[in-house]
Amino acid sequence: MLRHAPVSSVARFLSNLRSHDQISSIFWLLHSDLHEARVTAVLEYLSSIVASLEPSHQLANGQRGDLENFSLIKHNSKKGKFHVRFKKRNGRSEEVHIELSGINFTSLPSEGAINQGLVPKVIA
């Protein structure tokens, strides 16, 4: 939707959906590195739950991945930090952080619904 409509239209649409009687929840995914910070901020403001995944090690000098750093990115995608923030109606929020050993990515068997996809597996 963000590729074809301005942020204000998307935000208005999502806000209207949230206030509809028959809608109990809305789920969306966003690659924050593909959008401007203000777009991410607008969607986080509208959200009651925000979850993010971060690599366990940042690239040197804050670099974003390119072809030269692909092997490093691939290595870092095996483990990471998982952050979840729950916003309550009274304006307060709760945060959950799971780091290093708490989250691992595993491949699904080829018989699965998603062939060889990466799915987060939270280890208690």
C-alpha atoms as a PDB file:
ATOM      1  CA  MET A   1       0.000   0.000   0.000  1.00  0.00           C
ATOM      2  CA  LEU A   2       2.832   2.396   0.823  1.00  0.00           C
ATOM      3  CA  ARG A   3       4.231   2.035  -2.696  1.00  0.00           C
ATOM      4  CA  HIS A   4       0.996   3.229  -4.302  1.00  0.00           C
ATOM      5  CA  ALA A   5      -0.494   5.719  -1.836  1.00  0.00           C
ATOM      6  CA  PRO A   6       0.779   8.558   0.361  1.00  0.00           C
ATOM      7  CA  VAL A   7       1.428   7.849   4.043  1.00  0.00           C
ATOM      8  CA  SER A   8      -1.484  10.066   5.093  1.00  0.00           C
ATOM      9  CA  SER A   9      -3.941   7.997   3.021  1.00  0.00           C
ATOM     10  CA  VAL A  10      -2.601   4.709   4.389  1.00  0.00           C
ATOM     11  CA  ALA A  11      -2.754   6.035   7.968  1.00  0.00           C
ATOM     12  CA  ARG A  12      -6.325   7.271   7.460  1.00  0.00           C
ATOM     13  CA  PHE A  13      -7.343   3.897   5.990  1.00  0.00           C
ATOM     14  CA  LEU A  14      -5.786   1.957   8.895  1.00  0.00           C
ATOM     15  CA  SER A  15      -7.351   4.301  11.433  1.00  0.00           C
ATOM     16  CA  ASN A  16     -10.781   3.789   9.851  1.00  0.00           C
ATOM     17  CA  LEU A  17     -10.292   0.013   9.921  1.00  0.00           C
ATOM     18  CA  ARG A  18      -9.338   0.108  13.605  1.00  0.00           C
ATOM     19  CA  SER A  19     -12.527   1.961  14.508  1.00  0.00           C
ATOM     20  CA  HIS A  20     -14.783  -0.460  12.619  1.00  0.00           C
ATOM     21  CA  ASP A  21     -16.980  -2.648  14.868  1.00  0.00           C
ATOM     22  CA  GLN A  22     -16.260  -5.901  13.043  1.00  0.00           C
ATOM     23  CA  ILE A  23     -12.446  -5.526  13.000  1.00  0.00           C
ATOM     24  CA  SER A  24     -10.739  -6.929  16.089  1.00  0.00           C
ATOM     25  CA  SER A  25      -7.116  -6.685  14.942  1.00  0.00           C
ATOM     26  CA  ILE A  26      -4.965  -5.704  11.992  1.00  0.00           C
ATOM     27  CA  PHE A  27      -1.588  -7.244  11.234  1.00  0.00           C
ATOM     28  CA  TRP A  28       1.040  -5.766   8.941  1.00  0.00           C
ATOM     29  CA  LEU A  29       4.720  -6.242   8.223  1.00  0.00           C
ATOM     30  CA  LEU A  30       7.124  -3.466   7.353  1.00  0.00           C
ATOM     31  CA  HIS A  31      10.798  -3.463   6.406  1.00  0.00           C
ATOM     32  CA  SER A  32      11.823  -0.338   8.292  1.00  0.00           C
ATOM     33  CA  ASP A  33      15.075  -0.093   6.346  1.00  0.00           C
ATOM     34  CA  LEU A  34      13.092   0.320   3.096  1.00  0.00           C
ATOM     35  CA  HIS A  35      11.005   3.270   4.317  1.00  0.00           C
ATOM     36  CA  GLU A  36      11.666   6.705   5.753  1.00  0.00           C
ATOM     37  CA  ALA A  37      11.755   7.005   9.537  1.00  0.00           C
ATOM     38  CA  ARG A  38       8.573   9.141   9.532  1.00  0.00           C
ATOM     39  CA  VAL A  39       6.629   6.356   7.765  1.00  0.00           C
ATOM     40  CA  THR A  40       7.736   3.847  10.382  1.00  0.00           C
ATOM     41  CA  ALA A  41       6.880   6.314  13.168  1.00  0.00           C
ATOM     42  CA  VAL A  42       3.343   6.851  11.821  1.00  0.00           C
ATOM     43  CA  LEU A  43       2.652   3.113  11.661  1.00  0.00           C
ATOM     44  CA  GLU A  44       4.148   2.524  15.118  1.00  0.00           C
ATOM     45  CA  TYR A  45       1.909   5.272  16.511  1.00  0.00           C
ATOM     46  CA  LEU A  46      -1.171   3.534  15.084  1.00  0.00           C
ATOM     47  CA  SER A  47      -0.079   0.117  16.373  1.00  0.00           C
ATOM     48  CA  SER A  48      -0.975  -1.422  19.708  1.00  0.00           C
ATOM     49  CA  ILE A  49       1.870  -3.946  19.389  1.00  0.00           C
ATOM     50  CA  VAL A  50       5.216  -3.280  17.713  1.00  0.00           C
ATOM     51  CA  ALA A  51       7.715  -6.098  17.239  1.00  0.00           C
ATOM     52  CA  SER A  52      11.155  -5.707  15.702  1.00  0.00           C
ATOM     53  CA  LEU A  53      14.048  -7.964  14.844  1.00  0.00           C
ATOM     54  CA  GLU A  54      17.624  -6.701  14.914  1.00  0.00           C
ATOM     55  CA  PRO A  55      20.838  -8.527  14.024  1.00  0.00           C
ATOM     56  CA  SER A  56      22.948  -9.555  17.003  1.00  0.00           C
ATOM     57  CA  HIS A  57      25.893  -7.509  15.703  1.00  0.00           C
ATOM     58  CA  GLN A  58      25.624  -4.236  13.829  1.00  0.00           C
ATOM     59  CA  LEU A  59      27.795  -3.699  10.765  1.00  0.00           C
ATOM     60  CA  ALA A  60      30.939  -1.603  11.202  1.00  0.00           C
ATOM     61  CA  ASN A  61      30.419   2.185  11.117  1.00  0.00           C
ATOM     62  CA  GLY A  62      26.637   1.737  10.951  1.00  0.00           C
ATOM     63  CA  GLN A  63      26.830   0.584   7.328  1.00  0.00           C
ATOM     64  CA  ARG A  64      23.808  -0.925   5.703  1.00  0.00           C
ATOM     65  CA  GLY A  65      24.247  -4.149   3.832  1.00  0.00           C
ATOM     66  CA  ASP A  66      25.543  -4.216   0.284  1.00  0.00           C
ATOM     67  CA  LEU A  67      26.975  -6.991  -1.876  1.00  0.00           C
ATOM     68  CA  GLU A  68      30.400  -6.725  -0.213  1.00  0.00           C
ATOM     69  CA  ASN A  69      28.861  -7.273   3.223  1.00  0.00           C
ATOM     70  CA  PHE A  70      26.431  -9.999   2.126  1.00  0.00           C
ATOM     71  CA  SER A  71      28.276 -12.851   3.872  1.00  0.00           C
ATOM     72  CA  LEU A  72      28.396 -10.841   7.093  1.00  0.00           C
ATOM     73  CA  ILE A  73      24.682 -10.070   6.815  1.00  0.00           C
ATOM     74  CA  LYS A  74      23.902 -13.738   6.151  1.00  0.00           C
ATOM     75  CA  HIS A  75      25.925 -14.747   9.223  1.00  0.00           C
ATOM     76  CA  ASN A  76      24.217 -12.109  11.397  1.00  0.00           C
ATOM     77  CA  SER A  77      20.733 -13.183  10.317  1.00  0.00           C
ATOM     78  CA  LYS A  78      21.059 -16.475  12.201  1.00  0.00           C
ATOM     79  CA  LYS A  79      20.734 -14.844  15.631  1.00  0.00           C
ATOM     80  CA  GLY A  80      19.372 -11.537  16.774  1.00  0.00           C
ATOM     81  CA  LYS A  81      17.404  -9.443  19.216  1.00  0.00           C
ATOM     82  CA  PHE A  82      13.613  -9.557  19.337  1.00  0.00           C
ATOM     83  CA  HIS A  83      11.835  -6.541  20.854  1.00  0.00           C
ATOM     84  CA  VAL A  84       8.096  -6.323  21.477  1.00  0.00           C
ATOM     85  CA  ARG A  85       6.263  -3.275  22.810  1.00  0.00           C
ATOM     86  CA  PHE A  86       2.621  -3.470  23.929  1.00  0.00           C
ATOM     87  CA  LYS A  87       0.714  -0.191  24.176  1.00  0.00           C
ATOM     88  CA  LYS A  88      -2.215  -0.105  26.577  1.00  0.00           C
ATOM     89  CA  ARG A  89      -5.294   2.081  26.236  1.00  0.00           C
ATOM     90  CA  ASN A  90      -4.189   4.218  29.197  1.00  0.00           C
ATOM     91  CA  GLY A  91      -1.071   5.266  27.254  1.00  0.00           C
ATOM     92  CA  ARG A  92       1.421   3.134  29.143  1.00  0.00           C
ATOM     93  CA  SER A  93       3.508   0.519  27.409  1.00  0.00           C
ATOM     94  CA  GLU A  94       5.280  -2.715  28.292  1.00  0.00           C
ATOM     95  CA  GLU A  95       8.390  -3.973  26.543  1.00  0.00           C
ATOM     96  CA  VAL A  96       9.778  -7.470  26.085  1.00  0.00           C
ATOM     97  CA  HIS A  97      13.364  -8.057  24.948  1.00  0.00           C
ATOM     98  CA  ILE A  98      14.711 -11.436  23.935  1.00  0.00           C
ATOM     99  CA  GLU A  99      18.396 -11.441  23.065  1.00  0.00           C
ATOM    100  CA  LEU A 100      21.050 -13.777  21.633  1.00  0.00           C
ATOM    101  CA  SER A 101      20.157 -17.209  22.983  1.00  0.00           C
ATOM    102  CA  GLY A 102      16.448 -16.448  23.224  1.00  0.00           C
ATOM    103  CA  ILE A 103      15.645 -16.405  19.520  1.00  0.00           C
ATOM    104  CA  ASN A 104      16.877 -18.645  16.765  1.00  0.00           C
ATOM    105  CA  PHE A 105      15.840 -18.964  13.140  1.00  0.00           C
ATOM    106  CA  THR A 106      15.159 -22.404  11.743  1.00  0.00           C
ATOM    107  CA  SER A 107      14.244 -23.604   8.268  1.00  0.00           C
ATOM    108  CA  LEU A 108      10.932 -25.359   7.772  1.00  0.00           C
ATOM    109  CA  PRO A 109      10.898 -28.828   6.205  1.00  0.00           C
ATOM    110  CA  SER A 110      10.106 -28.831   2.487  1.00  0.00           C
ATOM    111  CA  GLU A 111       6.687 -30.359   3.269  1.00  0.00           C
ATOM    112  CA  GLY A 112       5.749 -27.193   5.199  1.00  0.00           C
ATOM    113  CA  ALA A 113       3.398 -24.531   3.919  1.00  0.00           C
ATOM    114  CA  ILE A 114       6.317 -22.181   3.327  1.00  0.00           C
ATOM    115  CA  ASN A 115       9.108 -23.929   1.482  1.00  0.00           C
ATOM    116  CA  GLN A 116      12.504 -23.342   3.125  1.00  0.00           C
ATOM    117  CA  GLY A 117      11.380 -20.093   4.759  1.00  0.00           C
ATOM    118  CA  LEU A 118      12.915 -18.651   7.888  1.00  0.00           C
ATOM    119  CA  VAL A 119      10.633 -18.696  10.897  1.00  0.00           C
ATOM    120  CA  PRO A 120      11.562 -17.300  14.316  1.00  0.00           C
ATOM    121  CA  LYS A 121      11.576 -19.908  17.053  1.00  0.00           C
ATOM    122  CA  VAL A 122      11.503 -18.529  20.595  1.00  0.00           C
ATOM    123  CA  ILE A 123      13.263 -20.796  23.082  1.00  0.00           C
ATOM    124  CA  ALA A 124      11.999 -20.562  26.637  1.00  0.00           C
END
